């Protein structure tokens, strides 16, 4: 991908996705990287009633795309 794609993550090319919190958000560096890439943390085994699900609903109500 061209560098400008990564410099403007709010462009329509980037869509929200989900990532395992214990894998993708294990360090502050990883957290920053994945958050900037529009990845929302999900705790596996915690079911659907978790904070990230509220964030997902907010983004969907704004008209954003979500890849699951």
N, C-alpha and C. Protein backbone atom coordinates (compact mmCIF):
# COMPACT_ATOMS: atom_id res chain seq x y z
N UNK A 1 0.84 -1.18 0.00
CA UNK A 1 0.00 0.00 0.00
C UNK A 1 0.89 1.24 0.00
N UNK A 2 0.40 2.30 -0.61
CA UNK A 2 1.16 3.55 -0.58
C UNK A 2 1.24 4.12 0.85
N UNK A 3 2.30 4.84 1.14
CA UNK A 3 2.50 5.42 2.46
C UNK A 3 1.36 6.34 2.86
N UNK A 4 0.79 7.09 1.91
CA UNK A 4 -0.30 8.02 2.24
C UNK A 4 -1.52 7.30 2.82
N UNK A 5 -1.66 6.02 2.49
CA UNK A 5 -2.76 5.24 3.04
C UNK A 5 -2.62 5.13 4.55
N UNK A 6 -1.39 4.93 5.02
CA UNK A 6 -1.15 4.78 6.45
C UNK A 6 -1.12 6.12 7.18
N UNK A 7 -0.85 7.19 6.46
CA UNK A 7 -0.80 8.51 7.09
C UNK A 7 -2.19 9.10 7.31
N UNK A 8 -3.18 8.57 6.61
CA UNK A 8 -4.55 9.06 6.73
C UNK A 8 -5.50 7.90 7.04
N UNK A 9 -5.45 7.35 8.28
CA UNK A 9 -6.27 6.17 8.59
C UNK A 9 -7.77 6.43 8.61
N UNK A 10 -8.18 7.69 8.60
CA UNK A 10 -9.62 7.98 8.59
C UNK A 10 -10.20 7.96 7.19
N UNK A 11 -9.37 7.63 6.21
CA UNK A 11 -9.89 7.53 4.85
C UNK A 11 -10.81 6.31 4.74
N UNK A 12 -11.67 6.28 3.74
CA UNK A 12 -12.61 5.16 3.60
C UNK A 12 -11.92 3.81 3.35
N UNK A 13 -10.62 3.83 3.03
CA UNK A 13 -9.92 2.57 2.80
C UNK A 13 -9.73 1.77 4.08
N UNK A 14 -9.66 2.46 5.21
CA UNK A 14 -9.48 1.78 6.49
C UNK A 14 -10.84 1.52 7.12
N UNK A 15 -11.06 0.29 7.53
CA UNK A 15 -12.29 -0.07 8.21
C UNK A 15 -11.95 -0.59 9.60
N UNK A 16 -12.88 -0.49 10.50
CA UNK A 16 -12.68 -0.99 11.85
C UNK A 16 -12.67 -2.52 11.83
N UNK A 17 -11.89 -3.10 12.70
CA UNK A 17 -11.85 -4.54 12.85
C UNK A 17 -11.64 -4.86 14.33
N UNK A 18 -11.71 -6.11 14.66
CA UNK A 18 -11.56 -6.54 16.05
C UNK A 18 -10.25 -7.30 16.21
N UNK A 19 -9.63 -7.14 17.37
CA UNK A 19 -8.39 -7.86 17.66
C UNK A 19 -8.39 -8.35 19.10
N UNK A 20 -7.80 -9.50 19.31
CA UNK A 20 -7.73 -10.07 20.66
C UNK A 20 -6.88 -9.17 21.55
N UNK A 21 -7.44 -8.76 22.66
CA UNK A 21 -6.75 -7.83 23.56
C UNK A 21 -5.44 -8.41 24.07
N UNK A 22 -5.41 -9.68 24.42
CA UNK A 22 -4.20 -10.28 24.98
C UNK A 22 -3.09 -10.47 23.95
N UNK A 23 -3.43 -10.38 22.68
CA UNK A 23 -2.43 -10.53 21.62
C UNK A 23 -2.04 -9.16 21.04
N UNK A 24 -3.02 -8.43 20.55
CA UNK A 24 -2.75 -7.17 19.82
C UNK A 24 -2.48 -5.99 20.75
N UNK A 25 -2.94 -6.05 21.98
CA UNK A 25 -2.81 -4.92 22.89
C UNK A 25 -1.99 -5.29 24.13
N UNK A 26 -1.00 -6.15 23.93
CA UNK A 26 -0.21 -6.67 25.06
C UNK A 26 0.84 -5.69 25.56
N UNK A 27 1.29 -4.75 24.73
CA UNK A 27 2.27 -3.75 25.13
C UNK A 27 1.78 -2.37 24.70
N UNK A 28 2.29 -1.30 25.31
CA UNK A 28 1.88 0.04 24.88
C UNK A 28 2.18 0.31 23.41
N UNK A 29 3.29 -0.20 22.93
CA UNK A 29 3.66 -0.01 21.51
C UNK A 29 2.67 -0.72 20.59
N UNK A 30 2.32 -1.96 20.94
CA UNK A 30 1.33 -2.70 20.14
C UNK A 30 -0.03 -2.02 20.19
N UNK A 31 -0.40 -1.55 21.38
CA UNK A 31 -1.69 -0.87 21.54
C UNK A 31 -1.79 0.35 20.64
N UNK A 32 -0.75 1.16 20.62
CA UNK A 32 -0.74 2.35 19.77
C UNK A 32 -0.84 1.96 18.30
N UNK A 33 -0.03 0.99 17.90
CA UNK A 33 -0.02 0.55 16.50
C UNK A 33 -1.40 0.08 16.05
N UNK A 34 -2.01 -0.80 16.82
CA UNK A 34 -3.29 -1.36 16.41
C UNK A 34 -4.43 -0.36 16.54
N UNK A 35 -4.39 0.52 17.54
CA UNK A 35 -5.43 1.55 17.67
C UNK A 35 -5.39 2.49 16.48
N UNK A 36 -4.18 2.88 16.05
CA UNK A 36 -4.06 3.75 14.88
C UNK A 36 -4.53 3.05 13.61
N UNK A 37 -4.47 1.73 13.61
CA UNK A 37 -4.95 0.94 12.47
C UNK A 37 -6.41 0.59 12.56
N UNK A 38 -7.14 1.24 13.48
CA UNK A 38 -8.58 1.03 13.65
C UNK A 38 -8.93 -0.40 14.08
N UNK A 39 -8.17 -0.91 15.03
CA UNK A 39 -8.47 -2.22 15.61
C UNK A 39 -9.02 -1.98 17.01
N UNK A 40 -10.14 -2.59 17.32
CA UNK A 40 -10.75 -2.48 18.66
C UNK A 40 -10.46 -3.74 19.45
N UNK A 41 -10.06 -3.59 20.73
CA UNK A 41 -9.72 -4.77 21.53
C UNK A 41 -10.95 -5.54 21.99
N UNK A 42 -10.87 -6.84 21.85
CA UNK A 42 -11.93 -7.73 22.32
C UNK A 42 -11.29 -8.75 23.27
N UNK A 43 -11.91 -8.94 24.43
CA UNK A 43 -11.42 -9.94 25.38
C UNK A 43 -12.13 -11.24 25.07
N UNK A 44 -11.38 -12.21 24.63
CA UNK A 44 -11.98 -13.50 24.28
C UNK A 44 -12.55 -14.15 25.53
N UNK A 45 -13.78 -14.61 25.43
CA UNK A 45 -14.43 -15.29 26.54
C UNK A 45 -15.28 -14.38 27.42
N UNK A 46 -15.23 -13.07 27.18
CA UNK A 46 -16.03 -12.14 28.00
C UNK A 46 -17.42 -11.90 27.44
N UNK A 47 -17.77 -12.52 26.36
CA UNK A 47 -19.11 -12.37 25.81
C UNK A 47 -19.31 -11.05 25.08
N UNK A 48 -20.56 -10.74 24.79
CA UNK A 48 -20.84 -9.54 24.00
C UNK A 48 -21.02 -8.29 24.83
N UNK A 49 -21.13 -8.42 26.13
CA UNK A 49 -21.34 -7.24 26.99
C UNK A 49 -20.02 -6.74 27.55
N UNK A 50 -19.23 -6.11 26.68
CA UNK A 50 -17.96 -5.53 27.09
C UNK A 50 -17.80 -4.15 26.45
N UNK A 51 -16.90 -3.34 26.99
CA UNK A 51 -16.75 -1.95 26.55
C UNK A 51 -16.52 -1.83 25.05
N UNK A 52 -15.73 -2.71 24.48
CA UNK A 52 -15.43 -2.61 23.04
C UNK A 52 -16.69 -2.73 22.19
N UNK A 53 -17.65 -3.50 22.66
CA UNK A 53 -18.89 -3.64 21.89
C UNK A 53 -19.63 -2.30 21.84
N UNK A 54 -19.55 -1.51 22.91
CA UNK A 54 -20.16 -0.18 22.89
C UNK A 54 -19.45 0.72 21.89
N UNK A 55 -18.12 0.63 21.82
CA UNK A 55 -17.36 1.41 20.85
C UNK A 55 -17.72 1.00 19.42
N UNK A 56 -17.91 -0.29 19.21
CA UNK A 56 -18.29 -0.79 17.89
C UNK A 56 -19.64 -0.21 17.49
N UNK A 57 -20.59 -0.22 18.40
CA UNK A 57 -21.91 0.33 18.10
C UNK A 57 -21.84 1.82 17.78
N UNK A 58 -21.00 2.56 18.51
CA UNK A 58 -20.83 3.98 18.22
C UNK A 58 -20.32 4.20 16.80
N UNK A 59 -19.33 3.42 16.40
CA UNK A 59 -18.77 3.57 15.05
C UNK A 59 -19.80 3.18 13.99
N UNK A 60 -20.55 2.14 14.23
CA UNK A 60 -21.57 1.73 13.27
C UNK A 60 -22.66 2.79 13.12
N UNK A 61 -23.02 3.44 14.23
CA UNK A 61 -24.03 4.50 14.16
C UNK A 61 -23.52 5.72 13.40
N UNK A 62 -22.20 5.89 13.35
CA UNK A 62 -21.60 6.98 12.56
C UNK A 62 -21.55 6.64 11.07
N UNK A 63 -21.88 5.39 10.74
CA UNK A 63 -21.83 4.98 9.34
C UNK A 63 -20.52 4.33 8.94
N UNK A 64 -19.67 4.01 9.93
CA UNK A 64 -18.38 3.36 9.64
C UNK A 64 -18.59 1.89 9.29
N UNK A 65 -17.59 1.30 8.66
CA UNK A 65 -17.60 -0.11 8.32
C UNK A 65 -16.86 -0.89 9.38
N UNK A 66 -17.30 -2.11 9.62
CA UNK A 66 -16.66 -2.99 10.57
C UNK A 66 -16.47 -4.36 9.93
N UNK A 67 -15.25 -4.85 9.98
CA UNK A 67 -14.97 -6.19 9.47
C UNK A 67 -14.86 -7.16 10.64
N UNK A 68 -15.61 -8.23 10.58
CA UNK A 68 -15.55 -9.25 11.63
C UNK A 68 -15.09 -10.54 11.00
